[in-house]
Each structure stands twice: as C-alpha cells, then as structure tokens.
C-alpha cells in the first residue's frame, strides 16, 4: 500500500522486537493489491485508501477478533482443501 510504504518500515524497531520477520515479509509481498482484491472482494482503490490512511497516521491501533484474523486460511483448513496461500506459489 502506497501510504504505508511511503513512510517506510522502521527496520530498527523490527530488528529489536521481532523474529523471523524476513520470511514474513517475503510471504506478504505476494499479496499485491490485485491479489487482495481478488481474495477479499475489496476494490483496489479502497485498499489503497486504507494504506494511505495507515501510512499517514502517527500511530495506528489495530483490533480484531481471532476468528476474523484467521479467516483467510480457516475455511480451507476446515475442509481439508488447499490453502489460499498455496495458490500464490
């Protein structure tokens, strides 16, 4: 998302407070706005607007429900079918 990328990652914070971030970065790089639009049904302009808002904010608070957070993989796992991520590889 342009807004979030315009500010850039805080690599110093990431290095101090995370582990295995580079593999995560590689996985999420496959989820371009076009892929996310296809998977989630959210139009690209709305995704980009969300990125602009997040990137422009001084701080962001994220809240979610665990079931919603895992929903991208939950249905496929429950049905024993291929995971969404596997379609991108």
N, C-alpha and C. Protein backbone atom coordinates (compact mmCIF):
# COMPACT_ATOMS: atom_id res chain seq x y z
N UNK A 1 0.84 -1.16 0.00
CA UNK A 1 0.00 0.00 0.00
C UNK A 1 0.89 1.24 0.00
N UNK A 2 0.59 2.11 -0.87
CA UNK A 2 1.47 3.26 -1.08
C UNK A 2 1.71 4.06 0.18
N UNK A 3 0.66 4.36 0.93
CA UNK A 3 0.82 5.19 2.11
C UNK A 3 1.75 4.56 3.13
N UNK A 4 1.55 3.30 3.41
CA UNK A 4 2.39 2.61 4.40
C UNK A 4 3.82 2.52 3.90
N UNK A 5 4.02 2.30 2.59
CA UNK A 5 5.37 2.19 2.04
C UNK A 5 6.05 3.55 1.95
N UNK A 6 5.28 4.61 1.78
CA UNK A 6 5.88 5.94 1.68
C UNK A 6 6.61 6.30 2.96
N UNK A 7 6.03 5.93 4.09
CA UNK A 7 6.68 6.20 5.37
C UNK A 7 7.84 5.24 5.58
N UNK A 8 7.74 4.05 5.05
CA UNK A 8 8.80 3.06 5.15
C UNK A 8 8.76 2.30 6.46
N UNK A 9 9.30 1.09 6.43
CA UNK A 9 9.32 0.29 7.65
C UNK A 9 10.33 0.84 8.65
N UNK A 10 10.06 0.64 9.90
CA UNK A 10 11.01 1.02 10.94
C UNK A 10 11.90 -0.18 11.22
N UNK A 11 12.92 -0.34 10.39
CA UNK A 11 13.78 -1.51 10.48
C UNK A 11 14.48 -1.64 11.83
N UNK A 12 14.80 -0.53 12.48
CA UNK A 12 15.41 -0.60 13.80
C UNK A 12 14.46 -1.22 14.81
N UNK A 13 13.19 -0.83 14.76
CA UNK A 13 12.17 -1.39 15.65
C UNK A 13 11.97 -2.88 15.34
N UNK A 14 11.85 -3.19 14.06
CA UNK A 14 11.64 -4.58 13.63
C UNK A 14 12.78 -5.46 14.13
N UNK A 15 14.02 -5.01 13.98
CA UNK A 15 15.18 -5.79 14.40
C UNK A 15 15.19 -6.03 15.91
N UNK A 16 14.76 -5.04 16.68
CA UNK A 16 14.78 -5.18 18.15
C UNK A 16 13.63 -5.99 18.69
N UNK A 17 12.49 -5.99 18.02
CA UNK A 17 11.27 -6.53 18.64
C UNK A 17 10.62 -7.70 17.91
N UNK A 18 11.24 -8.20 16.87
CA UNK A 18 10.62 -9.31 16.14
C UNK A 18 11.66 -10.39 15.84
N UNK A 19 11.15 -11.56 15.47
CA UNK A 19 12.00 -12.64 14.98
C UNK A 19 11.38 -13.15 13.69
N UNK A 20 12.20 -13.64 12.81
CA UNK A 20 11.75 -14.25 11.54
C UNK A 20 10.89 -13.30 10.72
N UNK A 21 11.21 -12.02 10.75
CA UNK A 21 10.42 -11.04 10.01
C UNK A 21 10.66 -11.13 8.50
N UNK A 22 11.89 -11.44 8.08
CA UNK A 22 12.17 -11.51 6.65
C UNK A 22 11.35 -12.57 5.93
N UNK A 23 11.17 -13.79 6.48
CA UNK A 23 10.28 -14.75 5.81
C UNK A 23 8.84 -14.24 5.71
N UNK A 24 8.38 -13.55 6.75
CA UNK A 24 7.03 -12.98 6.70
C UNK A 24 6.94 -11.93 5.61
N UNK A 25 7.94 -11.07 5.54
CA UNK A 25 7.97 -10.02 4.51
C UNK A 25 7.89 -10.64 3.11
N UNK A 26 8.60 -11.76 2.91
CA UNK A 26 8.60 -12.43 1.60
C UNK A 26 7.21 -12.98 1.28
N UNK A 27 6.55 -13.58 2.27
CA UNK A 27 5.21 -14.14 2.05
C UNK A 27 4.22 -13.03 1.72
N UNK A 28 4.21 -11.97 2.53
CA UNK A 28 3.19 -10.94 2.31
C UNK A 28 3.46 -10.13 1.05
N UNK A 29 4.68 -10.16 0.54
CA UNK A 29 4.96 -9.43 -0.70
C UNK A 29 4.18 -10.00 -1.87
N UNK A 30 3.74 -11.22 -1.76
CA UNK A 30 2.93 -11.86 -2.82
C UNK A 30 1.49 -11.34 -2.84
N UNK A 31 1.07 -10.73 -1.74
CA UNK A 31 -0.30 -10.24 -1.64
C UNK A 31 -0.38 -8.79 -2.13
N UNK A 32 -0.26 -8.65 -3.45
CA UNK A 32 -0.37 -7.33 -4.07
C UNK A 32 -1.81 -6.84 -3.93
N UNK A 33 -2.06 -5.55 -4.15
CA UNK A 33 -3.44 -5.07 -4.09
C UNK A 33 -4.39 -5.85 -5.02
N UNK A 34 -3.91 -6.25 -6.19
CA UNK A 34 -4.77 -7.00 -7.11
C UNK A 34 -5.12 -8.38 -6.55
N UNK A 35 -4.15 -9.05 -5.91
CA UNK A 35 -4.40 -10.36 -5.32
C UNK A 35 -5.37 -10.21 -4.15
N UNK A 36 -5.15 -9.21 -3.30
CA UNK A 36 -6.03 -9.00 -2.15
C UNK A 36 -7.44 -8.66 -2.61
N UNK A 37 -7.56 -7.87 -3.66
CA UNK A 37 -8.89 -7.55 -4.21
C UNK A 37 -9.60 -8.82 -4.62
N UNK A 38 -8.88 -9.73 -5.28
CA UNK A 38 -9.48 -10.99 -5.73
C UNK A 38 -9.88 -11.87 -4.55
N UNK A 39 -9.00 -11.98 -3.57
CA UNK A 39 -9.26 -12.85 -2.43
C UNK A 39 -10.37 -12.32 -1.52
N UNK A 40 -10.38 -11.01 -1.30
CA UNK A 40 -11.28 -10.42 -0.30
C UNK A 40 -12.49 -9.70 -0.88
N UNK A 41 -12.43 -9.37 -2.16
CA UNK A 41 -13.54 -8.65 -2.77
C UNK A 41 -13.58 -7.16 -2.42
N UNK A 42 -12.50 -6.64 -1.88
CA UNK A 42 -12.42 -5.21 -1.57
C UNK A 42 -11.76 -4.52 -2.75
N UNK A 43 -12.43 -3.54 -3.37
CA UNK A 43 -11.87 -2.88 -4.54
C UNK A 43 -10.50 -2.26 -4.25
N UNK A 44 -9.61 -2.35 -5.22
CA UNK A 44 -8.25 -1.84 -5.08
C UNK A 44 -8.20 -0.39 -4.59
N UNK A 45 -9.04 0.52 -5.13
CA UNK A 45 -8.98 1.90 -4.63
C UNK A 45 -9.24 2.00 -3.11
N UNK A 46 -10.13 1.16 -2.59
CA UNK A 46 -10.39 1.18 -1.15
C UNK A 46 -9.19 0.64 -0.37
N UNK A 47 -8.54 -0.40 -0.89
CA UNK A 47 -7.33 -0.92 -0.25
C UNK A 47 -6.23 0.14 -0.22
N UNK A 48 -6.07 0.83 -1.34
CA UNK A 48 -5.05 1.87 -1.42
C UNK A 48 -5.37 3.03 -0.48
N UNK A 49 -6.65 3.38 -0.37
CA UNK A 49 -7.04 4.44 0.56
C UNK A 49 -6.71 4.04 1.99
N UNK A 50 -6.97 2.79 2.35
CA UNK A 50 -6.63 2.31 3.70
C UNK A 50 -5.13 2.41 3.93
N UNK A 51 -4.34 2.05 2.92
CA UNK A 51 -2.89 2.17 3.03
C UNK A 51 -2.44 3.60 3.22
N UNK A 52 -3.09 4.52 2.52
CA UNK A 52 -2.77 5.94 2.66
C UNK A 52 -3.06 6.41 4.09
N UNK A 53 -4.22 6.00 4.62
CA UNK A 53 -4.59 6.40 5.99
C UNK A 53 -3.59 5.85 7.01
N UNK A 54 -3.26 4.56 6.86
CA UNK A 54 -2.32 3.94 7.81
C UNK A 54 -0.95 4.59 7.69
N UNK A 55 -0.50 4.80 6.45
CA UNK A 55 0.82 5.37 6.24
C UNK A 55 0.94 6.81 6.71
N UNK A 56 -0.15 7.55 6.67
CA UNK A 56 -0.11 8.96 7.06
C UNK A 56 -0.33 9.18 8.55
N UNK A 57 -0.80 8.15 9.25
CA UNK A 57 -1.09 8.33 10.67
C UNK A 57 0.18 8.28 11.51
N UNK A 58 0.19 9.02 12.61
CA UNK A 58 1.33 8.99 13.52
C UNK A 58 1.36 7.68 14.30
N UNK A 59 0.19 7.15 14.58
CA UNK A 59 0.09 5.86 15.27
C UNK A 59 -1.18 5.17 14.80
N UNK A 60 -1.19 3.88 14.93
CA UNK A 60 -2.33 3.09 14.49
C UNK A 60 -2.67 2.07 15.57
N UNK A 61 -3.94 1.92 15.86
CA UNK A 61 -4.38 0.89 16.78
C UNK A 61 -5.19 -0.12 15.98
N UNK A 62 -4.80 -1.37 16.06
CA UNK A 62 -5.48 -2.42 15.32
C UNK A 62 -6.18 -3.32 16.32
N UNK A 63 -7.44 -3.60 16.08
CA UNK A 63 -8.16 -4.57 16.89
C UNK A 63 -8.79 -5.57 15.96
N UNK A 64 -8.90 -6.79 16.42
CA UNK A 64 -9.53 -7.81 15.58
C UNK A 64 -10.01 -8.95 16.46
N UNK A 65 -10.87 -9.75 15.89
CA UNK A 65 -11.32 -10.97 16.54
C UNK A 65 -10.49 -12.10 15.98
N UNK A 66 -10.09 -13.03 16.81
CA UNK A 66 -9.21 -14.10 16.36
C UNK A 66 -9.80 -14.85 15.17
N UNK A 67 -11.07 -15.16 15.17
CA UNK A 67 -11.67 -15.89 14.06
C UNK A 67 -11.60 -15.11 12.75
N UNK A 68 -11.84 -13.82 12.82
CA UNK A 68 -11.75 -12.98 11.63
C UNK A 68 -10.30 -12.91 11.17
N UNK A 69 -9.39 -12.80 12.10
CA UNK A 69 -7.97 -12.70 11.79
C UNK A 69 -7.49 -13.92 11.03
N UNK A 70 -7.99 -15.09 11.37
CA UNK A 70 -7.55 -16.33 10.75
C UNK A 70 -8.44 -16.78 9.59
N UNK A 71 -9.44 -16.01 9.24
CA UNK A 71 -10.44 -16.47 8.29
C UNK A 71 -9.90 -16.77 6.90
N UNK A 72 -8.80 -16.14 6.50
CA UNK A 72 -8.24 -16.39 5.18
C UNK A 72 -7.89 -17.86 5.00
N UNK A 73 -7.41 -18.53 6.06
CA UNK A 73 -6.99 -19.92 5.98
C UNK A 73 -7.97 -20.88 6.65
N UNK A 74 -8.85 -20.37 7.49
CA UNK A 74 -9.69 -21.23 8.31
C UNK A 74 -10.61 -22.13 7.50
N UNK A 75 -11.30 -21.59 6.51
CA UNK A 75 -12.24 -22.40 5.74
C UNK A 75 -11.52 -23.51 4.99
N UNK A 76 -10.39 -23.20 4.36
CA UNK A 76 -9.65 -24.21 3.63
C UNK A 76 -9.14 -25.30 4.56
N UNK A 77 -8.65 -24.90 5.74
CA UNK A 77 -8.14 -25.88 6.69
C UNK A 77 -9.26 -26.78 7.20
N UNK A 78 -10.42 -26.21 7.47
CA UNK A 78 -11.55 -26.99 7.97
C UNK A 78 -12.05 -27.99 6.95
N UNK A 79 -11.94 -27.63 5.68
CA UNK A 79 -12.42 -28.52 4.61
C UNK A 79 -11.34 -29.46 4.11
N UNK A 80 -10.11 -29.28 4.59
CA UNK A 80 -9.01 -30.13 4.14
C UNK A 80 -8.52 -29.80 2.74
N UNK A 81 -8.96 -28.68 2.20
CA UNK A 81 -8.57 -28.29 0.85
C UNK A 81 -7.28 -27.51 0.83
N UNK A 82 -6.84 -27.11 -0.37
CA UNK A 82 -5.60 -26.34 -0.47
C UNK A 82 -5.75 -24.98 0.20
N UNK A 83 -4.70 -24.52 0.79
CA UNK A 83 -4.73 -23.21 1.45
C UNK A 83 -4.67 -22.11 0.40
N UNK A 84 -5.24 -20.96 0.76
CA UNK A 84 -5.24 -19.81 -0.15
C UNK A 84 -3.82 -19.46 -0.56
N UNK A 85 -2.89 -19.47 0.39
CA UNK A 85 -1.52 -19.06 0.10
C UNK A 85 -0.88 -19.95 -0.95
N UNK A 86 -1.24 -21.24 -0.95
CA UNK A 86 -0.64 -22.17 -1.91
C UNK A 86 -0.98 -21.79 -3.35
N UNK A 87 -2.10 -21.11 -3.55
CA UNK A 87 -2.47 -20.70 -4.90
C UNK A 87 -1.55 -19.63 -5.45
N UNK A 88 -0.85 -18.94 -4.57
CA UNK A 88 0.03 -17.86 -4.99
C UNK A 88 1.42 -18.35 -5.36
N UNK A 89 1.75 -19.56 -4.93
CA UNK A 89 3.11 -20.06 -5.15
C UNK A 89 3.25 -20.74 -6.51
